[in-house]
Amino acid sequence: MEGLKFEDGLSTDTNRLNNYQQKQQSTMIKLLIRSGLVKDQKQANNLMLVIIVIFLLLSIYLFSLSFGSTPKSVPYDQMTEQQKQNISPQERAFIEKVTKNNNEN
């Protein structure tokens, strides 16, 4: 084992570690750093975490709206003229015909 020489400096190990970490950075982190929004990887991670939390809360809010109160069905004879005008003419004619037949029986 003659001629084998060990380096005692940590600087080369630190350089290798920094090079490895830079290669491991995601494209999104690199983009945030290049754009100037953040200065380093830690800030980029924090920014992305905040964005994720905001989108999660927004999703929960929008999802909760879909389970809100259901519209009440109003009988045709109790509708205002404005509400009746919002119904298509074909549907209105059908409803009036069915309502008229039910009233005769």
N, C-alpha and C. Protein backbone atom coordinates (compact mmCIF):
# COMPACT_ATOMS: atom_id res chain seq x y z
N MET A 1 0.80 -1.17 0.00
CA MET A 1 0.00 0.00 0.00
C MET A 1 0.85 1.25 0.00
N GLU A 2 1.98 1.11 -0.54
CA GLU A 2 2.82 2.30 -0.64
C GLU A 2 2.28 3.20 -1.73
N GLY A 3 2.47 4.47 -1.57
CA GLY A 3 2.02 5.43 -2.55
C GLY A 3 0.57 5.86 -2.36
N LEU A 4 -0.11 5.29 -1.38
CA LEU A 4 -1.49 5.67 -1.09
C LEU A 4 -1.48 6.88 -0.17
N LYS A 5 -2.13 7.93 -0.62
CA LYS A 5 -2.09 9.16 0.15
C LYS A 5 -3.51 9.60 0.45
N PHE A 6 -3.79 9.93 1.70
CA PHE A 6 -5.11 10.40 2.12
C PHE A 6 -5.09 11.92 2.26
N GLU A 7 -6.16 12.52 1.83
CA GLU A 7 -6.26 13.97 2.01
C GLU A 7 -6.98 14.23 3.33
N ASP A 8 -6.44 15.16 4.08
CA ASP A 8 -7.00 15.43 5.38
C ASP A 8 -7.95 16.64 5.35
N GLY A 9 -8.09 17.30 4.22
CA GLY A 9 -8.90 18.51 4.16
C GLY A 9 -10.38 18.21 3.97
N LEU A 10 -11.18 18.94 4.68
CA LEU A 10 -12.63 18.80 4.54
C LEU A 10 -13.16 19.61 3.37
N SER A 11 -12.35 20.51 2.86
CA SER A 11 -12.84 21.39 1.81
C SER A 11 -13.22 20.61 0.56
N THR A 12 -12.48 19.57 0.23
CA THR A 12 -12.83 18.80 -0.96
C THR A 12 -14.12 18.02 -0.74
N ASP A 13 -14.30 17.49 0.49
CA ASP A 13 -15.54 16.78 0.80
C ASP A 13 -16.73 17.75 0.77
N THR A 14 -16.51 18.93 1.29
CA THR A 14 -17.59 19.94 1.29
C THR A 14 -17.93 20.34 -0.13
N ASN A 15 -16.93 20.49 -0.98
CA ASN A 15 -17.18 20.83 -2.38
C ASN A 15 -17.97 19.72 -3.08
N ARG A 16 -17.60 18.49 -2.80
CA ARG A 16 -18.32 17.37 -3.40
C ARG A 16 -19.77 17.34 -2.93
N LEU A 17 -19.97 17.59 -1.63
CA LEU A 17 -21.31 17.60 -1.08
C LEU A 17 -22.14 18.73 -1.69
N ASN A 18 -21.55 19.91 -1.83
CA ASN A 18 -22.26 21.03 -2.44
C ASN A 18 -22.60 20.74 -3.90
N ASN A 19 -21.67 20.14 -4.63
CA ASN A 19 -21.94 19.78 -6.02
C ASN A 19 -23.06 18.75 -6.11
N TYR A 20 -23.06 17.78 -5.20
CA TYR A 20 -24.10 16.76 -5.19
C TYR A 20 -25.45 17.39 -4.87
N GLN A 21 -25.49 18.30 -3.89
CA GLN A 21 -26.75 18.95 -3.52
C GLN A 21 -27.28 19.82 -4.65
N GLN A 22 -26.39 20.49 -5.36
CA GLN A 22 -26.83 21.32 -6.48
C GLN A 22 -27.41 20.46 -7.59
N LYS A 23 -26.84 19.30 -7.81
CA LYS A 23 -27.37 18.40 -8.83
C LYS A 23 -28.72 17.84 -8.39
N GLN A 24 -28.95 17.73 -7.09
CA GLN A 24 -30.18 17.16 -6.57
C GLN A 24 -31.32 18.17 -6.47
N GLN A 25 -31.05 19.46 -6.65
CA GLN A 25 -32.10 20.48 -6.56
C GLN A 25 -33.12 20.27 -7.67
N SER A 26 -34.37 20.45 -7.30
CA SER A 26 -35.42 20.30 -8.29
C SER A 26 -35.43 21.50 -9.23
N THR A 27 -36.06 21.31 -10.35
CA THR A 27 -36.15 22.37 -11.35
C THR A 27 -36.93 23.56 -10.81
N MET A 28 -37.95 23.29 -10.00
CA MET A 28 -38.76 24.37 -9.43
C MET A 28 -37.92 25.24 -8.49
N ILE A 29 -37.10 24.62 -7.68
CA ILE A 29 -36.24 25.38 -6.77
C ILE A 29 -35.25 26.22 -7.56
N LYS A 30 -34.66 25.62 -8.57
CA LYS A 30 -33.72 26.38 -9.41
C LYS A 30 -34.40 27.55 -10.08
N LEU A 31 -35.63 27.35 -10.54
CA LEU A 31 -36.39 28.42 -11.19
C LEU A 31 -36.67 29.56 -10.22
N LEU A 32 -37.07 29.23 -8.99
CA LEU A 32 -37.36 30.26 -7.99
C LEU A 32 -36.11 31.06 -7.63
N ILE A 33 -34.99 30.37 -7.52
CA ILE A 33 -33.73 31.05 -7.19
C ILE A 33 -33.30 31.94 -8.34
N ARG A 34 -33.37 31.43 -9.57
CA ARG A 34 -32.98 32.23 -10.74
C ARG A 34 -33.86 33.45 -10.93
N SER A 35 -35.15 33.30 -10.60
CA SER A 35 -36.08 34.42 -10.80
C SER A 35 -35.86 35.54 -9.78
N GLY A 36 -35.17 35.24 -8.69
CA GLY A 36 -34.88 36.24 -7.69
C GLY A 36 -35.95 36.32 -6.61
N LEU A 37 -36.93 35.45 -6.65
CA LEU A 37 -37.97 35.45 -5.62
C LEU A 37 -37.42 34.99 -4.27
N VAL A 38 -36.45 34.09 -4.32
CA VAL A 38 -35.83 33.57 -3.10
C VAL A 38 -34.32 33.59 -3.28
N LYS A 39 -33.62 33.49 -2.14
CA LYS A 39 -32.15 33.55 -2.21
C LYS A 39 -31.50 32.18 -2.14
N ASP A 40 -32.15 31.23 -1.47
CA ASP A 40 -31.54 29.92 -1.33
C ASP A 40 -32.60 28.82 -1.31
N GLN A 41 -32.14 27.59 -1.15
CA GLN A 41 -33.03 26.44 -1.22
C GLN A 41 -34.02 26.43 -0.06
N LYS A 42 -33.60 26.85 1.11
CA LYS A 42 -34.49 26.86 2.27
C LYS A 42 -35.67 27.82 2.04
N GLN A 43 -35.39 29.01 1.52
CA GLN A 43 -36.45 29.95 1.23
C GLN A 43 -37.38 29.42 0.14
N ALA A 44 -36.80 28.76 -0.85
CA ALA A 44 -37.61 28.19 -1.92
C ALA A 44 -38.55 27.12 -1.37
N ASN A 45 -38.05 26.27 -0.49
CA ASN A 45 -38.89 25.24 0.12
C ASN A 45 -40.00 25.87 0.94
N ASN A 46 -39.68 26.91 1.70
CA ASN A 46 -40.70 27.59 2.50
C ASN A 46 -41.76 28.23 1.62
N LEU A 47 -41.35 28.87 0.53
CA LEU A 47 -42.30 29.50 -0.38
C LEU A 47 -43.22 28.45 -1.00
N MET A 48 -42.65 27.34 -1.43
CA MET A 48 -43.48 26.29 -2.02
C MET A 48 -44.44 25.70 -0.99
N LEU A 49 -44.01 25.59 0.26
CA LEU A 49 -44.89 25.09 1.31
C LEU A 49 -46.06 26.05 1.54
N VAL A 50 -45.78 27.34 1.56
CA VAL A 50 -46.85 28.34 1.72
C VAL A 50 -47.82 28.26 0.56
N ILE A 51 -47.32 28.13 -0.65
CA ILE A 51 -48.19 28.02 -1.83
C ILE A 51 -49.06 26.78 -1.74
N ILE A 52 -48.49 25.67 -1.31
CA ILE A 52 -49.25 24.43 -1.17
C ILE A 52 -50.36 24.59 -0.14
N VAL A 53 -50.06 25.22 0.99
CA VAL A 53 -51.06 25.42 2.03
C VAL A 53 -52.19 26.31 1.51
N ILE A 54 -51.85 27.37 0.78
CA ILE A 54 -52.86 28.26 0.22
C ILE A 54 -53.78 27.50 -0.73
N PHE A 55 -53.20 26.72 -1.63
CA PHE A 55 -54.01 25.95 -2.56
C PHE A 55 -54.85 24.88 -1.86
N LEU A 56 -54.31 24.29 -0.81
CA LEU A 56 -55.06 23.31 -0.05
C LEU A 56 -56.28 23.95 0.61
N LEU A 57 -56.09 25.11 1.23
CA LEU A 57 -57.21 25.81 1.87
C LEU A 57 -58.24 26.25 0.83
N LEU A 58 -57.77 26.72 -0.31
CA LEU A 58 -58.69 27.12 -1.38
C LEU A 58 -59.49 25.92 -1.88
N SER A 59 -58.84 24.79 -2.02
CA SER A 59 -59.53 23.57 -2.47
C SER A 59 -60.58 23.13 -1.46
N ILE A 60 -60.23 23.18 -0.18
CA ILE A 60 -61.18 22.80 0.86
C ILE A 60 -62.39 23.73 0.84
N TYR A 61 -62.14 25.02 0.68
CA TYR A 61 -63.22 26.00 0.62
C TYR A 61 -64.14 25.73 -0.57
N LEU A 62 -63.55 25.55 -1.75
CA LEU A 62 -64.36 25.30 -2.94
C LEU A 62 -65.11 23.97 -2.85
N PHE A 63 -64.47 22.98 -2.26
CA PHE A 63 -65.10 21.68 -2.09
C PHE A 63 -66.29 21.79 -1.13
N SER A 64 -66.13 22.59 -0.08
CA SER A 64 -67.22 22.75 0.89
C SER A 64 -68.41 23.47 0.27
N LEU A 65 -68.16 24.34 -0.70
CA LEU A 65 -69.27 25.03 -1.37
C LEU A 65 -70.15 24.06 -2.14
N SER A 66 -69.58 22.98 -2.62
CA SER A 66 -70.36 22.03 -3.39
C SER A 66 -71.34 21.25 -2.52
N PHE A 67 -71.12 21.26 -1.20
CA PHE A 67 -72.03 20.57 -0.29
C PHE A 67 -72.93 21.55 0.45
N GLY A 68 -73.06 22.74 -0.07
CA GLY A 68 -73.91 23.74 0.55
C GLY A 68 -75.37 23.35 0.45
N SER A 69 -76.22 24.26 0.81
CA SER A 69 -77.66 23.95 0.79
C SER A 69 -78.11 23.71 -0.65
N THR A 70 -78.97 22.75 -0.79
CA THR A 70 -79.50 22.43 -2.12
C THR A 70 -80.64 23.39 -2.43
N PRO A 71 -80.81 23.74 -3.67
CA PRO A 71 -81.91 24.66 -4.01
C PRO A 71 -83.26 24.01 -3.70
N LYS A 72 -84.13 24.82 -3.18
CA LYS A 72 -85.47 24.31 -2.86
C LYS A 72 -86.30 24.24 -4.13
N SER A 73 -87.06 23.18 -4.25
CA SER A 73 -87.96 23.08 -5.40
C SER A 73 -89.25 23.80 -5.06
N VAL A 74 -89.64 24.65 -5.96
CA VAL A 74 -90.85 25.45 -5.77
C VAL A 74 -91.91 24.90 -6.71
N PRO A 75 -93.11 24.63 -6.21
CA PRO A 75 -94.18 24.18 -7.10
C PRO A 75 -94.45 25.23 -8.18
N TYR A 76 -94.82 24.74 -9.34
CA TYR A 76 -94.99 25.63 -10.49
C TYR A 76 -96.04 26.71 -10.23
N ASP A 77 -97.11 26.34 -9.57
CA ASP A 77 -98.17 27.32 -9.33
C ASP A 77 -97.77 28.38 -8.30
N GLN A 78 -96.68 28.16 -7.55
CA GLN A 78 -96.20 29.15 -6.59
C GLN A 78 -95.05 29.99 -7.14
N MET A 79 -94.63 29.73 -8.37
CA MET A 79 -93.53 30.48 -8.99
C MET A 79 -94.02 31.86 -9.42
N THR A 80 -93.08 32.81 -9.38
CA THR A 80 -93.39 34.14 -9.91
C THR A 80 -93.30 34.08 -11.43
N GLU A 81 -93.82 35.09 -12.07
CA GLU A 81 -93.75 35.13 -13.53
C GLU A 81 -92.30 35.17 -14.02
N GLN A 82 -91.45 35.86 -13.27
CA GLN A 82 -90.03 35.93 -13.65
C GLN A 82 -89.40 34.54 -13.60
N GLN A 83 -89.71 33.76 -12.57
CA GLN A 83 -89.18 32.41 -12.47
C GLN A 83 -89.70 31.53 -13.60
N LYS A 84 -90.97 31.72 -13.95
CA LYS A 84 -91.55 30.93 -15.04
C LYS A 84 -90.90 31.29 -16.38
N GLN A 85 -90.51 32.53 -16.55
CA GLN A 85 -89.86 32.97 -17.79
C GLN A 85 -88.47 32.34 -17.95
N ASN A 86 -87.85 31.96 -16.83
CA ASN A 86 -86.52 31.34 -16.90
C ASN A 86 -86.57 29.89 -17.36
N ILE A 87 -87.76 29.32 -17.40
CA ILE A 87 -87.93 27.94 -17.87
C ILE A 87 -88.14 27.99 -19.38
N SER A 88 -87.56 27.03 -20.09
CA SER A 88 -87.70 27.01 -21.55
C SER A 88 -89.17 26.84 -21.94
N PRO A 89 -89.57 27.38 -23.08
CA PRO A 89 -90.99 27.29 -23.49
C PRO A 89 -91.51 25.86 -23.58
N GLN A 90 -90.69 24.92 -24.07
CA GLN A 90 -91.13 23.54 -24.17
C GLN A 90 -91.40 22.95 -22.78
N GLU A 91 -90.50 23.20 -21.84
CA GLU A 91 -90.69 22.68 -20.50
C GLU A 91 -91.90 23.34 -19.82
N ARG A 92 -92.06 24.64 -20.04
CA ARG A 92 -93.19 25.36 -19.47
C ARG A 92 -94.51 24.79 -19.99
N ALA A 93 -94.59 24.55 -21.29
CA ALA A 93 -95.81 23.99 -21.88
C ALA A 93 -96.10 22.62 -21.30
N PHE A 94 -95.07 21.80 -21.14
CA PHE A 94 -95.25 20.46 -20.58
C PHE A 94 -95.74 20.54 -19.14
N ILE A 95 -95.11 21.40 -18.34
CA ILE A 95 -95.50 21.54 -16.93
C ILE A 95 -96.94 22.03 -16.83
N GLU A 96 -97.29 23.01 -17.65
CA GLU A 96 -98.66 23.54 -17.61
C GLU A 96 -99.68 22.49 -18.01
N LYS A 97 -99.31 21.67 -18.99
CA LYS A 97 -100.21 20.60 -19.43
C LYS A 97 -100.41 19.58 -18.31
N VAL A 98 -99.30 19.16 -17.67
CA VAL A 98 -99.39 18.18 -16.59
C VAL A 98 -100.15 18.77 -15.41
N THR A 99 -99.87 20.02 -15.09
CA THR A 99 -100.57 20.67 -13.97
C THR A 99 -102.06 20.78 -14.24
N LYS A 100 -102.42 21.11 -15.48
CA LYS A 100 -103.82 21.23 -15.86
C LYS A 100 -104.53 19.87 -15.76
N ASN A 101 -103.86 18.81 -16.21
CA ASN A 101 -104.43 17.47 -16.14
C ASN A 101 -104.61 17.03 -14.69
N ASN A 102 -103.67 17.35 -13.83
CA ASN A 102 -103.75 16.97 -12.41
C ASN A 102 -104.87 17.74 -11.72
N ASN A 103 -105.08 18.96 -12.12
CA ASN A 103 -106.17 19.76 -11.50
C ASN A 103 -107.53 19.27 -11.93
N GLU A 104 -107.66 18.71 -13.13
CA GLU A 104 -108.94 18.20 -13.63
C GLU A 104 -109.35 16.92 -12.92
N ASN A 105 -108.36 16.13 -12.50
CA ASN A 105 -108.65 14.84 -11.84
C ASN A 105 -108.92 15.04 -10.42
